[in-house]
PDB file of N, CA and C in Angstrom:
ATOM      1  N   MET A   1       3.070  11.327  -6.526  1.00  0.00           N
ATOM      2  CA  MET A   1       2.536  10.254  -7.090  1.00  0.00           C
ATOM      3  C   MET A   1       1.220   9.732  -6.660  1.00  0.00           C
ATOM      4  N   ARG A   2       0.361   9.685  -6.828  1.00  0.00           N
ATOM      5  CA  ARG A   2      -0.646   8.631  -6.594  1.00  0.00           C
ATOM      6  C   ARG A   2      -1.258   7.468  -6.377  1.00  0.00           C
ATOM      7  N   SER A   3      -1.020   6.249  -5.483  1.00  0.00           N
ATOM      8  CA  SER A   3      -1.027   5.187  -5.078  1.00  0.00           C
ATOM      9  C   SER A   3      -2.840   4.803  -5.065  1.00  0.00           C
ATOM     10  N   ALA A   4      -3.414   3.079  -5.468  1.00  0.00           N
ATOM     11  CA  ALA A   4      -4.564   3.453  -5.530  1.00  0.00           C
ATOM     12  C   ALA A   4      -5.547   3.132  -4.889  1.00  0.00           C
ATOM     13  N   SER A   5      -4.979   3.921  -3.392  1.00  0.00           N
ATOM     14  CA  SER A   5      -6.426   4.288  -2.459  1.00  0.00           C
ATOM     15  C   SER A   5      -6.608   6.712  -2.959  1.00  0.00           C
ATOM     16  N   GLY A   6      -5.664   6.308  -3.858  1.00  0.00           N
ATOM     17  CA  GLY A   6      -6.261   7.664  -3.490  1.00  0.00           C
ATOM     18  C   GLY A   6      -4.962   8.460  -2.720  1.00  0.00           C
ATOM     19  N   VAL A   7      -4.046   8.317  -2.251  1.00  0.00           N
ATOM     20  CA  VAL A   7      -2.954   8.524  -1.487  1.00  0.00           C
ATOM     21  C   VAL A   7      -1.776   9.675  -1.978  1.00  0.00           C
ATOM     22  N   ASN A   8      -1.313  10.857  -2.320  1.00  0.00           N
ATOM     23  CA  ASN A   8      -0.424  11.054  -2.856  1.00  0.00           C
ATOM     24  C   ASN A   8       0.917  11.395  -2.336  1.00  0.00           C
ATOM     25  N   ARG A   9       1.425  11.532  -2.536  1.00  0.00           N
ATOM     26  CA  ARG A   9       3.244  11.702  -2.425  1.00  0.00           C
ATOM     27  C   ARG A   9       3.579  12.018  -2.713  1.00  0.00           C
ATOM     28  N   SER A  10       5.466  12.954  -2.893  1.00  0.00           N
ATOM     29  CA  SER A  10       5.926  12.645  -3.496  1.00  0.00           C
ATOM     30  C   SER A  10       7.303  11.952  -3.606  1.00  0.00           C
ATOM     31  N   VAL A  11       8.635  11.100  -4.659  1.00  0.00           N
ATOM     32  CA  VAL A  11       8.962  10.208  -3.960  1.00  0.00           C
ATOM     33  C   VAL A  11      10.798  11.369  -5.080  1.00  0.00           C
ATOM     34  N   VAL A  12      11.732  11.466  -4.487  1.00  0.00           N
ATOM     35  CA  VAL A  12      12.419  11.494  -5.107  1.00  0.00           C
ATOM     36  C   VAL A  12      13.749  10.511  -4.869  1.00  0.00           C
ATOM     37  N   LEU A  13      13.995   9.738  -6.340  1.00  0.00           N
ATOM     38  CA  LEU A  13      15.034   8.236  -6.755  1.00  0.00           C
ATOM     39  C   LEU A  13      16.273   9.452  -6.978  1.00  0.00           C
ATOM     40  N   TRP A  14      17.103   8.914  -5.897  1.00  0.00           N
ATOM     41  CA  TRP A  14      19.007   9.539  -6.438  1.00  0.00           C
ATOM     42  C   TRP A  14      19.314   8.654  -6.709  1.00  0.00           C
ATOM     43  N   ASP A  15      20.970   9.221  -7.397  1.00  0.00           N
ATOM     44  CA  ASP A  15      21.168   8.135  -8.457  1.00  0.00           C
ATOM     45  C   ASP A  15      22.223   7.226  -7.353  1.00  0.00           C
ATOM     46  N   ASN A  16      22.067   6.936  -5.702  1.00  0.00           N
ATOM     47  CA  ASN A  16      23.191   7.330  -4.909  1.00  0.00           C
ATOM     48  C   ASN A  16      21.958   5.247  -4.209  1.00  0.00           C
ATOM     49  N   ASN A  17      21.072   5.814  -5.402  1.00  0.00           N
ATOM     50  CA  ASN A  17      20.053   4.703  -4.328  1.00  0.00           C
ATOM     51  C   ASN A  17      19.325   4.659  -2.965  1.00  0.00           C
ATOM     52  N   GLU A  18      19.234   5.807  -2.778  1.00  0.00           N
ATOM     53  CA  GLU A  18      19.030   6.678  -1.815  1.00  0.00           C
ATOM     54  C   GLU A  18      17.082   7.759  -2.425  1.00  0.00           C
ATOM     55  N   VAL A  19      16.314   7.771  -1.259  1.00  0.00           N
ATOM     56  CA  VAL A  19      15.470   8.315  -2.249  1.00  0.00           C
ATOM     57  C   VAL A  19      15.030   8.803  -1.022  1.00  0.00           C
ATOM     58  N   GLU A  20      13.971   9.595  -0.925  1.00  0.00           N
ATOM     59  CA  GLU A  20      13.267  11.053  -0.275  1.00  0.00           C
ATOM     60  C   GLU A  20      12.217  10.848  -1.004  1.00  0.00           C
ATOM     61  N   VAL A  21      10.426  10.825   0.030  1.00  0.00           N
ATOM     62  CA  VAL A  21       9.692  10.661  -0.554  1.00  0.00           C
ATOM     63  C   VAL A  21       8.868  11.989   1.109  1.00  0.00           C
ATOM     64  N   ILE A  22       8.300  13.088   0.552  1.00  0.00           N
ATOM     65  CA  ILE A  22       7.330  13.951   1.200  1.00  0.00           C
ATOM     66  C   ILE A  22       6.221  13.331   1.113  1.00  0.00           C
ATOM     67  N   PHE A  23       5.792  12.721   2.271  1.00  0.00           N
ATOM     68  CA  PHE A  23       4.077  12.536   3.101  1.00  0.00           C
ATOM     69  C   PHE A  23       3.178  13.596   3.641  1.00  0.00           C
ATOM     70  N   ARG A  24       2.388  13.763   3.162  1.00  0.00           N
ATOM     71  CA  ARG A  24       1.532  14.773   4.133  1.00  0.00           C
ATOM     72  C   ARG A  24       2.543  16.000   5.600  1.00  0.00           C
ATOM     73  N   GLY A  25       3.392  16.681   4.209  1.00  0.00           N
ATOM     74  CA  GLY A  25       5.207  17.256   5.548  1.00  0.00           C
ATOM     75  C   GLY A  25       5.368  17.186   5.478  1.00  0.00           C
ATOM     76  N   ARG A  26       5.992  15.657   6.154  1.00  0.00           N
ATOM     77  CA  ARG A  26       7.116  14.935   6.473  1.00  0.00           C
ATOM     78  C   ARG A  26       7.819  14.356   5.588  1.00  0.00           C
ATOM     79  N   ARG A  27       9.365  14.414   5.781  1.00  0.00           N
ATOM     80  CA  ARG A  27      10.058  14.074   4.642  1.00  0.00           C
ATOM     81  C   ARG A  27      10.853  13.077   5.025  1.00  0.00           C
ATOM     82  N   TYR A  28      10.357  11.478   4.644  1.00  0.00           N
ATOM     83  CA  TYR A  28      11.236  10.104   4.849  1.00  0.00           C
ATOM     84  C   TYR A  28      12.249   9.543   4.400  1.00  0.00           C
ATOM     85  N   THR A  29      13.418   9.188   4.970  1.00  0.00           N
ATOM     86  CA  THR A  29      14.680   9.062   4.202  1.00  0.00           C
ATOM     87  C   THR A  29      14.998   7.207   3.977  1.00  0.00           C
ATOM     88  N   GLY A  30      15.476   6.746   2.488  1.00  0.00           N
ATOM     89  CA  GLY A  30      15.378   4.563   2.817  1.00  0.00           C
ATOM     90  C   GLY A  30      16.557   4.934   1.351  1.00  0.00           C
ATOM     91  N   ASN A  31      16.303   3.680   1.120  1.00  0.00           N
ATOM     92  CA  ASN A  31      17.136   3.542  -0.180  1.00  0.00           C
ATOM     93  C   ASN A  31      15.663   2.505  -0.977  1.00  0.00           C
ATOM     94  N   TRP A  32      16.319   2.429  -2.278  1.00  0.00           N
ATOM     95  CA  TRP A  32      15.074   1.708  -3.114  1.00  0.00           C
ATOM     96  C   TRP A  32      16.136   1.573  -4.347  1.00  0.00           C
ATOM     97  N   SER A  33      15.468   0.172  -5.229  1.00  0.00           N
ATOM     98  CA  SER A  33      15.679  -0.602  -5.732  1.00  0.00           C
ATOM     99  C   SER A  33      14.861  -1.403  -6.976  1.00  0.00           C
ATOM    100  N   VAL A  34      15.347  -2.123  -7.450  1.00  0.00           N
ATOM    101  CA  VAL A  34      13.849  -1.953  -9.182  1.00  0.00           C
ATOM    102  C   VAL A  34      13.882  -3.996  -9.198  1.00  0.00           C
ATOM    103  N   ASP A  35      13.230  -4.638  -8.318  1.00  0.00           N
ATOM    104  CA  ASP A  35      13.301  -5.632  -8.358  1.00  0.00           C
ATOM    105  C   ASP A  35      12.739  -7.054  -9.263  1.00  0.00           C
ATOM    106  N   ASP A  36      12.515  -7.678  -9.263  1.00  0.00           N
ATOM    107  CA  ASP A  36      12.715  -9.272  -9.981  1.00  0.00           C
ATOM    108  C   ASP A  36      11.565  -9.074 -11.060  1.00  0.00           C
ATOM    109  N   ASP A  37      10.483  -8.286 -10.680  1.00  0.00           N
ATOM    110  CA  ASP A  37       9.328  -7.976 -11.558  1.00  0.00           C
ATOM    111  C   ASP A  37       9.682  -6.781 -12.807  1.00  0.00           C
ATOM    112  N   GLY A  38      10.688  -5.473 -11.778  1.00  0.00           N
ATOM    113  CA  GLY A  38      11.331  -4.306 -12.485  1.00  0.00           C
ATOM    114  C   GLY A  38      10.658  -3.300 -11.548  1.00  0.00           C
ATOM    115  N   ASP A  39       9.320  -3.628 -10.801  1.00  0.00           N
ATOM    116  CA  ASP A  39       9.403  -2.402  -9.863  1.00  0.00           C
ATOM    117  C   ASP A  39       9.858  -1.849  -9.592  1.00  0.00           C
ATOM    118  N   VAL A  40       9.920  -0.796  -8.840  1.00  0.00           N
ATOM    119  CA  VAL A  40      10.911  -0.003  -7.878  1.00  0.00           C
ATOM    120  C   VAL A  40       9.756   0.124  -6.608  1.00  0.00           C
ATOM    121  N   ARG A  41      11.088  -0.915  -5.853  1.00  0.00           N
ATOM    122  CA  ARG A  41      10.351  -1.234  -4.410  1.00  0.00           C
ATOM    123  C   ARG A  41      11.590   0.365  -3.866  1.00  0.00           C
ATOM    124  N   LEU A  42      10.842   0.853  -2.439  1.00  0.00           N
ATOM    125  CA  LEU A  42      11.249   1.628  -1.551  1.00  0.00           C
ATOM    126  C   LEU A  42      11.568   1.248  -0.183  1.00  0.00           C
ATOM    127  N   SER A  43      12.714   1.262   0.379  1.00  0.00           N
ATOM    128  CA  SER A  43      12.462   0.477   1.714  1.00  0.00           C
ATOM    129  C   SER A  43      12.954   1.793   3.119  1.00  0.00           C
ATOM    130  N   LEU A  44      11.847   1.811   4.122  1.00  0.00           N
ATOM    131  CA  LEU A  44      11.455   3.595   4.856  1.00  0.00           C
ATOM    132  C   LEU A  44      11.740   2.825   5.641  1.00  0.00           C
ATOM    133  N   PRO A  45      12.303   3.784   7.180  1.00  0.00           N
ATOM    134  CA  PRO A  45      11.883   2.957   8.059  1.00  0.00           C
ATOM    135  C   PRO A  45      10.347   2.403   8.833  1.00  0.00           C
ATOM    136  N   GLY A  46      10.098   1.291   9.073  1.00  0.00           N
ATOM    137  CA  GLY A  46       8.915   0.593   8.582  1.00  0.00           C
ATOM    138  C   GLY A  46       8.177   0.834   8.189  1.00  0.00           C
ATOM    139  N   ARG A  47       9.043   0.823   6.589  1.00  0.00           N
ATOM    140  CA  ARG A  47       7.500   0.401   5.623  1.00  0.00           C
ATOM    141  C   ARG A  47       8.164   0.411   4.211  1.00  0.00           C
ATOM    142  N   THR A  48       7.730  -0.743   3.606  1.00  0.00           N
ATOM    143  CA  THR A  48       8.180  -1.429   2.206  1.00  0.00           C
ATOM    144  C   THR A  48       7.426  -0.770   1.494  1.00  0.00           C
ATOM    145  N   PHE A  49       7.432   0.090   0.020  1.00  0.00           N
ATOM    146  CA  PHE A  49       6.098  -0.342  -0.533  1.00  0.00           C
ATOM    147  C   PHE A  49       7.199  -0.419  -2.377  1.00  0.00           C
ATOM    148  N   ALA A  50       5.375  -0.648  -3.859  1.00  0.00           N
ATOM    149  CA  ALA A  50       7.018  -0.955  -4.513  1.00  0.00           C
ATOM    150  C   ALA A  50       5.484  -0.256  -5.624  1.00  0.00           C
ATOM    151  N   PHE A  51       6.610   0.344  -7.043  1.00  0.00           N
ATOM    152  CA  PHE A  51       5.208   0.415  -7.970  1.00  0.00           C
ATOM    153  C   PHE A  51       5.715   0.318  -8.945  1.00  0.00           C
ATOM    154  N   LYS A  52       5.444   0.646  -9.988  1.00  0.00           N
ATOM    155  CA  LYS A  52       5.767   0.615 -11.622  1.00  0.00           C
ATOM    156  C   LYS A  52       6.249   1.556 -11.517  1.00  0.00           C
ATOM    157  N   PRO A  53       7.484   2.124 -12.602  1.00  0.00           N
ATOM    158  CA  PRO A  53       7.437   3.392 -12.785  1.00  0.00           C
ATOM    159  C   PRO A  53       6.800   3.502 -13.701  1.00  0.00           C
ATOM    160  N   LEU A  54       6.649   4.527 -14.294  1.00  0.00           N
ATOM    161  CA  LEU A  54       6.247   5.638 -15.381  1.00  0.00           C
ATOM    162  C   LEU A  54       7.221   5.506 -16.621  1.00  0.00           C
ATOM    163  N   VAL A  55       7.156   4.603 -17.728  1.00  0.00           N
ATOM    164  CA  VAL A  55       8.476   4.818 -18.801  1.00  0.00           C
ATOM    165  C   VAL A  55       7.158   5.528 -20.126  1.00  0.00           C
TER     166      VAL A  55
END
């Protein structure tokens, strides 16, 4: 995925609500959920961000 500022990262959403994010060659893990607006919200150590899923 590419953010509005042009930053690329790979995101894997697992069925058990775990997430893996690959950013600049490093792997980060955390949890994900869908918020009230239908956005996917990722919670990683020290960082939380959300995105609209493509359908």
